[in-house]
Amino acid sequence: MIVVMSVQATAREVSDVIARIRAMGYDVHISEGKERTIIGVIGRGRPIDKEQIALMDGVVQVMSVTHPYKIASREYHPDDTLVPLNGIEVGGPNLAIIAGPCSVESREQILETAHAVKEAGATALRGGAFKPRTSPYSFQGLGEEGLVYLAEAREATGLPVVTEVMDPQLVPLVGQYADVFQIGARNMQNYALLHAVGESQKPVLLKRGMSSTIEELLMAAEYILSHGNMRVMLCERGIRTFETHTRNTFDINAVPALKHLTHLPVIADPSHAVGKWEYVESVSMAAIAAGADGIIVEVHPRPEEALSDGRQSLKPERFAALVEKLRHLAPIVGRRVPEVEAHHA
């Protein structure tokens, strides 16, 4: 349920409504939009008499939220949520361009890639220090050593770091180095992990599970949002279908659907969706045309030597060409690619 307050409602009237709701055993989440304040009612307390709440001073409307995800819904938060990242607000006019290797393989590799993607126009650096792999015999990442190299790359380029966390117990450690926690597709419904990153209050990039519905993705986001952490970005990275030519099937429908259902920013991951570098450019452009707030792509200076996902990684010059094409496409859909600012380490 949500309680819509009048534009003229006083702070005392808002606090009175909150106190009444809490007295009934519910928690509340406040959404202050441009035109109105909305009080979200969360939890399982004693039954609420909507008419009683509606008669309180400052209340305009009391209504039920039709979706099981409450805080993530546009009913609760009509205005787009903007997530600060490297001087831009993800979800606003500027597109977020997140790029880097699948795995941090060495200090030299991540520094070389970071400088290359920064020069090409990236707004953030991605790289995996802890890597969940299908095979236990595949490269699993450098762990904390990789985090140290990512932090050094951030210092050298000014690019904020997006990196995956796989275990609730690792959240404090990864949080010392990361600017954005990435929750991978395999961990989308790792509820202990979702609670942990929610409590951290750091930005989170939440990837859709390869066999998960849009509603399941939004319910996973709800776990993070329930801790008051509103800095959540959703990521469409392809789902598993009967098609085998590409690694996954990029669900282009999910982009406008999510923009309609939720106020959270939507990031597209064409690299994992297609699994082949030659399709990444086309899918990136399609996602932006469909309304995505940015992309996250894999870039490696020598994909043929990559320890993971080399087949889907762009070389730096191909990434630069993609960014240039996005600069031309973005204004057509009312967006723009932010200009790169020089950074002096």
Protein backbone atom coordinates (compact mmCIF):
# COMPACT_ATOMS: atom_id res chain seq x y z
CA MET A 1 0.00 0.00 0.00
CA ILE A 2 1.11 3.57 -0.61
CA VAL A 3 -0.06 6.81 0.93
CA VAL A 4 0.13 9.85 -1.35
CA MET A 5 0.64 13.09 0.56
CA SER A 6 -0.47 16.53 -0.57
CA VAL A 7 2.07 18.90 -2.09
CA GLN A 8 1.20 21.26 0.77
CA ALA A 9 1.52 18.59 3.49
CA THR A 10 3.64 19.77 6.41
CA ALA A 11 6.49 17.80 7.96
CA ARG A 12 4.29 17.29 11.03
CA GLU A 13 1.47 15.83 8.93
CA VAL A 14 3.86 13.44 7.21
CA SER A 15 5.36 12.33 10.53
CA ASP A 16 1.87 11.78 12.00
CA VAL A 17 0.96 9.46 9.13
CA ILE A 18 4.23 7.56 9.52
CA ALA A 19 3.67 7.19 13.26
CA ARG A 20 0.14 5.84 12.71
CA ILE A 21 1.38 3.26 10.18
CA ARG A 22 4.26 2.13 12.40
CA ALA A 23 1.89 1.78 15.34
CA MET A 24 0.05 -0.82 13.27
CA GLY A 25 3.25 -2.89 12.95
CA TYR A 26 4.41 -1.84 9.50
CA ASP A 27 7.63 -0.32 8.25
CA VAL A 28 7.64 2.69 5.93
CA HIS A 29 9.77 3.91 3.04
CA ILE A 30 9.60 7.53 1.95
CA SER A 31 9.76 8.60 -1.70
CA GLU A 32 10.05 12.34 -2.19
CA GLY A 33 9.31 13.13 -5.82
CA LYS A 34 9.24 16.41 -7.69
CA GLU A 35 5.51 16.88 -7.14
CA ARG A 36 4.55 14.73 -4.16
CA THR A 37 5.71 12.65 -1.24
CA ILE A 38 4.72 8.99 -1.19
CA ILE A 39 4.83 6.80 1.91
CA GLY A 40 5.29 3.12 1.12
CA VAL A 41 3.80 0.69 3.63
CA ILE A 42 5.90 -2.47 3.96
CA GLY A 43 5.50 -5.59 6.08
CA ARG A 44 2.81 -7.66 7.79
CA GLY A 45 1.16 -5.79 10.65
CA ARG A 46 -2.46 -5.72 11.74
CA PRO A 47 -5.03 -4.85 9.04
CA ILE A 48 -5.01 -1.20 7.97
CA ASP A 49 -8.22 0.74 7.65
CA LYS A 50 -7.48 2.72 4.50
CA GLU A 51 -10.30 5.17 5.19
CA GLN A 52 -8.80 6.12 8.55
CA ILE A 53 -5.46 6.90 6.94
CA ALA A 54 -7.17 8.73 4.06
CA LEU A 55 -8.89 11.07 6.55
CA MET A 56 -5.62 12.17 8.15
CA ASP A 57 -4.40 15.69 7.48
CA GLY A 58 -2.21 16.04 4.39
CA VAL A 59 -3.26 12.72 2.79
CA VAL A 60 -4.48 12.88 -0.81
CA GLN A 61 -4.92 9.20 -1.62
CA VAL A 62 -4.39 5.71 -0.18
CA MET A 63 -4.00 2.95 -2.72
CA SER A 64 -2.80 -0.64 -3.02
CA VAL A 65 0.35 -1.46 -4.96
CA THR A 66 -0.61 -4.00 -7.59
CA HIS A 67 2.85 -5.59 -7.90
CA PRO A 68 4.56 -7.84 -5.32
CA TYR A 69 7.64 -5.63 -5.59
CA LYS A 70 6.70 -2.50 -3.69
CA ILE A 71 9.69 -0.18 -3.43
CA ALA A 72 10.92 -1.04 -6.93
CA SER A 73 7.60 -0.16 -8.55
CA ARG A 74 6.79 3.10 -10.33
CA GLU A 75 3.60 3.27 -8.30
CA TYR A 76 5.74 3.87 -5.22
CA HIS A 77 8.36 6.03 -6.94
CA PRO A 78 7.02 7.69 -10.13
CA ASP A 79 10.23 9.62 -10.88
CA ASP A 80 13.33 7.94 -12.30
CA THR A 81 15.94 7.05 -9.69
CA LEU A 82 19.33 8.57 -10.51
CA VAL A 83 22.46 6.74 -9.35
CA PRO A 84 25.61 8.92 -9.12
CA LEU A 85 28.61 7.47 -10.96
CA ASN A 86 31.74 9.38 -11.94
CA GLY A 87 30.09 12.76 -12.25
CA ILE A 88 27.01 11.54 -14.11
CA GLU A 89 23.66 10.32 -12.86
CA VAL A 90 22.82 6.89 -14.26
CA GLY A 91 19.18 7.02 -15.26
CA GLY A 92 19.42 10.61 -16.49
CA PRO A 93 20.34 12.00 -19.91
CA ASN A 94 23.96 10.79 -19.79
CA LEU A 95 24.61 7.19 -20.78
CA ALA A 96 26.77 5.07 -18.50
CA ILE A 97 29.53 3.32 -20.45
CA ILE A 98 31.08 0.62 -18.25
CA ALA A 99 33.95 -1.31 -19.80
CA GLY A 100 36.86 -3.56 -18.94
CA PRO A 101 38.01 -7.18 -18.94
CA CYS A 102 36.02 -10.13 -17.70
CA SER A 103 38.82 -10.97 -15.27
CA VAL A 104 41.69 -9.06 -13.74
CA GLU A 105 44.59 -11.18 -14.93
CA SER A 106 47.58 -9.04 -13.97
CA ARG A 107 48.51 -5.52 -12.92
CA GLU A 108 49.78 -4.70 -16.40
CA GLN A 109 46.64 -6.01 -18.13
CA ILE A 110 44.13 -4.06 -16.02
CA LEU A 111 46.14 -0.82 -16.16
CA GLU A 112 46.52 -1.07 -19.94
CA THR A 113 42.81 -1.76 -20.38
CA ALA A 114 41.75 0.97 -17.95
CA HIS A 115 43.73 3.64 -19.79
CA ALA A 116 42.39 2.41 -23.14
CA VAL A 117 38.71 2.44 -22.15
CA LYS A 118 39.10 5.79 -20.41
CA GLU A 119 40.56 7.34 -23.55
CA ALA A 120 37.74 5.85 -25.63
CA GLY A 121 35.03 7.35 -23.43
CA ALA A 122 34.20 4.91 -20.63
CA THR A 123 32.63 6.29 -17.49
CA ALA A 124 33.48 3.31 -15.27
CA LEU A 125 35.87 0.33 -15.23
CA ARG A 126 34.64 -3.24 -14.85
CA GLY A 127 36.80 -6.20 -13.93
CA GLY A 128 36.38 -9.43 -12.00
CA ALA A 129 38.63 -10.22 -9.05
CA PHE A 130 36.44 -13.13 -7.92
CA LYS A 131 35.09 -15.11 -10.87
CA PRO A 132 32.20 -17.59 -10.69
CA ARG A 133 32.85 -20.16 -13.40
CA THR A 134 30.87 -23.10 -14.69
CA SER A 135 33.91 -25.36 -14.35
CA PRO A 136 35.83 -25.55 -11.04
CA TYR A 137 38.99 -25.99 -13.11
CA SER A 138 38.67 -22.65 -14.92
CA PHE A 139 40.47 -19.48 -13.83
CA GLN A 140 38.72 -18.22 -10.69
CA GLY A 141 40.28 -14.76 -10.46
CA LEU A 142 43.08 -13.22 -8.41
CA GLY A 143 40.95 -12.42 -5.35
CA GLU A 144 42.15 -9.55 -3.18
CA GLU A 145 45.25 -9.11 -5.35
CA GLY A 146 42.91 -8.32 -8.24
CA LEU A 147 41.03 -5.80 -6.08
CA VAL A 148 44.30 -4.02 -5.33
CA TYR A 149 45.06 -3.76 -9.06
CA LEU A 150 41.55 -2.40 -9.73
CA ALA A 151 42.05 0.26 -7.06
CA GLU A 152 45.37 1.20 -8.65
CA ALA A 153 43.68 1.49 -12.05
CA ARG A 154 41.05 3.77 -10.52
CA GLU A 155 43.79 5.95 -9.05
CA ALA A 156 45.56 6.12 -12.41
CA THR A 157 42.49 6.91 -14.53
CA GLY A 158 39.81 8.32 -12.25
CA LEU A 159 37.36 5.61 -13.38
CA PRO A 160 35.17 4.16 -10.61
CA VAL A 161 35.37 0.38 -10.22
CA VAL A 162 32.52 -2.07 -10.82
CA THR A 163 33.38 -5.56 -9.60
CA GLU A 164 31.51 -8.69 -8.58
CA VAL A 165 30.99 -9.86 -5.02
CA MET A 166 29.98 -13.50 -4.58
CA ASP A 167 29.70 -14.07 -0.84
CA PRO A 168 28.05 -12.05 1.95
CA GLN A 169 31.21 -12.44 4.02
CA LEU A 170 33.24 -10.79 1.24
CA VAL A 171 31.09 -7.65 1.10
CA PRO A 172 33.25 -5.68 3.60
CA LEU A 173 36.47 -6.63 1.79
CA VAL A 174 35.22 -5.93 -1.73
CA GLY A 175 33.58 -2.75 -0.47
CA GLN A 176 37.00 -1.38 0.50
CA TYR A 177 38.00 -1.38 -3.19
CA ALA A 178 34.79 -1.25 -5.24
CA ASP A 179 32.65 1.76 -6.08
CA VAL A 180 29.81 -0.46 -7.33
CA PHE A 181 29.00 -4.00 -6.22
CA GLN A 182 28.06 -6.28 -9.11
CA ILE A 183 25.71 -9.16 -8.34
CA GLY A 184 26.20 -11.74 -11.07
CA ALA A 185 23.45 -13.68 -12.83
CA ARG A 186 24.19 -16.83 -10.85
CA ASN A 187 23.76 -14.92 -7.57
CA MET A 188 20.65 -12.91 -8.42
CA GLN A 189 18.64 -14.91 -5.88
CA ASN A 190 21.40 -15.27 -3.29
CA TYR A 191 19.23 -13.60 -0.66
CA ALA A 192 21.89 -13.41 2.05
CA LEU A 193 24.14 -11.59 -0.44
CA LEU A 194 21.32 -9.23 -1.47
CA HIS A 195 20.71 -8.35 2.17
CA ALA A 196 24.42 -7.73 2.69
CA VAL A 197 24.86 -5.35 -0.25
CA GLY A 198 21.64 -3.64 0.71
CA GLU A 199 22.98 -2.95 4.18
CA SER A 200 26.24 -1.64 2.70
CA GLN A 201 24.46 1.37 1.13
CA LYS A 202 26.89 1.24 -1.81
CA PRO A 203 25.64 1.28 -5.43
CA VAL A 204 24.70 -2.15 -6.78
CA LEU A 205 24.55 -3.48 -10.35
CA LEU A 206 22.10 -6.39 -10.20
CA LYS A 207 22.24 -8.79 -13.15
CA ARG A 208 19.23 -10.77 -14.26
CA GLY A 209 19.54 -14.52 -13.83
CA MET A 210 19.79 -16.45 -17.06
CA SER A 211 16.50 -18.25 -16.38
CA SER A 212 14.78 -15.53 -14.35
CA THR A 213 11.64 -13.59 -15.17
CA ILE A 214 11.43 -9.81 -15.04
CA GLU A 215 9.33 -10.06 -11.89
CA GLU A 216 11.93 -12.27 -10.22
CA LEU A 217 14.60 -9.69 -11.07
CA LEU A 218 12.53 -6.92 -9.52
CA MET A 219 11.83 -9.01 -6.42
CA ALA A 220 15.59 -9.56 -6.05
CA ALA A 221 16.06 -5.79 -6.27
CA GLU A 222 13.41 -5.41 -3.56
CA TYR A 223 15.70 -7.21 -1.10
CA ILE A 224 18.36 -4.55 -1.60
CA LEU A 225 15.89 -1.66 -1.60
CA SER A 226 14.27 -2.90 1.63
CA HIS A 227 17.41 -1.77 3.46
CA GLY A 228 16.95 1.79 2.24
CA ASN A 229 19.67 1.39 -0.41
CA MET A 230 18.07 3.01 -3.46
CA ARG A 231 21.26 3.03 -5.55
CA VAL A 232 20.37 -0.08 -7.54
CA MET A 233 20.94 -0.53 -11.28
CA LEU A 234 19.29 -3.46 -13.06
CA CYS A 235 21.17 -5.32 -15.78
CA GLU A 236 19.70 -7.28 -18.69
CA ARG A 237 22.44 -9.72 -19.76
CA GLY A 238 20.58 -12.25 -21.85
CA ILE A 239 18.46 -15.22 -20.91
CA ARG A 240 18.64 -18.92 -21.72
CA THR A 241 16.46 -20.01 -24.63
CA PHE A 242 16.49 -22.85 -27.15
CA GLU A 243 18.80 -20.82 -29.45
CA THR A 244 22.42 -22.00 -29.40
CA HIS A 245 24.11 -19.76 -31.99
CA THR A 246 24.68 -17.07 -29.37
CA ARG A 247 25.70 -17.57 -25.75
CA ASN A 248 22.31 -16.32 -24.50
CA THR A 249 19.38 -14.45 -26.02
CA PHE A 250 19.33 -10.72 -25.31
CA ASP A 251 15.82 -9.86 -24.15
CA ILE A 252 15.31 -6.49 -25.84
CA ASN A 253 11.72 -6.55 -24.56
CA ALA A 254 13.02 -6.37 -21.00
CA VAL A 255 14.48 -2.89 -21.49
CA PRO A 256 11.23 -0.98 -22.19
CA ALA A 257 9.31 -3.31 -19.88
CA LEU A 258 11.60 -2.52 -16.95
CA LYS A 259 11.56 1.20 -17.74
CA HIS A 260 7.76 1.01 -17.55
CA LEU A 261 7.52 -1.09 -14.39
CA THR A 262 10.31 0.38 -12.27
CA HIS A 263 12.08 3.65 -11.54
CA LEU A 264 15.49 1.95 -11.35
CA PRO A 265 18.10 2.48 -14.10
CA VAL A 266 18.55 -0.31 -16.65
CA ILE A 267 21.99 -1.30 -17.96
CA ALA A 268 22.48 -3.66 -20.92
CA ASP A 269 25.22 -6.28 -21.06
CA PRO A 270 25.55 -7.30 -24.72
CA SER A 271 28.81 -9.17 -24.16
CA HIS A 272 27.29 -11.92 -22.02
CA ALA A 273 24.09 -11.85 -24.04
CA VAL A 274 25.68 -12.78 -27.36
CA GLY A 275 29.03 -14.27 -26.39
CA LYS A 276 30.61 -13.19 -29.70
CA TRP A 277 32.35 -9.84 -30.08
CA GLU A 278 31.10 -9.24 -33.64
CA TYR A 279 27.51 -8.87 -32.39
CA VAL A 280 28.24 -6.66 -29.37
CA GLU A 281 28.08 -3.37 -31.27
CA SER A 282 24.67 -4.04 -32.84
CA VAL A 283 23.09 -5.24 -29.60
CA SER A 284 24.56 -2.28 -27.70
CA MET A 285 22.95 0.15 -30.10
CA ALA A 286 19.65 -1.72 -30.04
CA ALA A 287 19.59 -1.58 -26.25
CA ILE A 288 20.20 2.17 -26.18
CA ALA A 289 17.53 2.69 -28.84
CA ALA A 290 15.14 0.67 -26.67
CA GLY A 291 15.74 2.95 -23.68
CA ALA A 292 18.65 1.45 -21.73
CA ASP A 293 20.49 3.87 -19.47
CA GLY A 294 23.89 2.48 -20.36
CA ILE A 295 25.93 -0.57 -21.31
CA ILE A 296 28.53 -2.77 -19.66
CA VAL A 297 30.87 -4.42 -22.17
CA GLU A 298 33.98 -6.55 -21.97
CA VAL A 299 37.18 -5.10 -23.39
CA HIS A 300 40.57 -6.81 -23.48
CA PRO A 301 43.76 -5.62 -25.22
CA ARG A 302 44.49 -9.17 -26.44
CA PRO A 303 41.29 -11.25 -26.38
CA GLU A 304 43.07 -14.26 -27.84
CA GLU A 305 45.15 -14.42 -24.62
CA ALA A 306 42.27 -13.77 -22.20
CA LEU A 307 41.87 -16.23 -19.32
CA SER A 308 38.08 -15.88 -19.50
CA ASP A 309 35.50 -14.73 -22.06
CA GLY A 310 37.98 -13.69 -24.73
CA ARG A 311 35.54 -14.67 -27.47
CA GLN A 312 33.09 -11.94 -26.47
CA SER A 313 35.64 -9.24 -25.63
CA LEU A 314 36.15 -6.18 -27.80
CA LYS A 315 39.63 -4.93 -28.57
CA PRO A 316 40.15 -1.33 -27.41
CA GLU A 317 39.92 0.09 -30.95
CA ARG A 318 36.59 -1.69 -31.53
CA PHE A 319 35.31 -0.36 -28.21
CA ALA A 320 36.33 3.16 -29.23
CA ALA A 321 34.43 2.75 -32.51
CA LEU A 322 31.35 1.58 -30.57
CA VAL A 323 31.44 4.62 -28.28
CA GLU A 324 31.69 6.91 -31.30
CA LYS A 325 28.62 5.31 -32.85
CA LEU A 326 26.75 5.71 -29.59
CA ARG A 327 27.62 9.42 -29.62
CA HIS A 328 25.71 9.72 -32.88
CA LEU A 329 22.82 7.48 -31.81
CA ALA A 330 22.24 8.88 -28.33
CA PRO A 331 20.78 12.30 -29.30
CA ILE A 332 18.16 10.58 -31.47
CA VAL A 333 16.70 8.98 -28.32
CA GLY A 334 17.23 12.03 -26.12
CA ARG A 335 20.47 10.86 -24.50
CA ARG A 336 24.14 11.72 -24.75
CA VAL A 337 27.53 10.11 -24.17
CA PRO A 338 29.41 12.26 -21.64
CA GLU A 339 32.72 13.72 -22.71
CA VAL A 340 35.82 12.25 -21.12
CA GLU A 341 37.68 14.53 -18.74
CA ALA A 342 41.44 14.33 -18.36
CA HIS A 343 42.64 12.76 -15.14
CA HIS A 344 45.98 13.34 -13.51
CA ALA A 345 46.99 10.64 -11.06
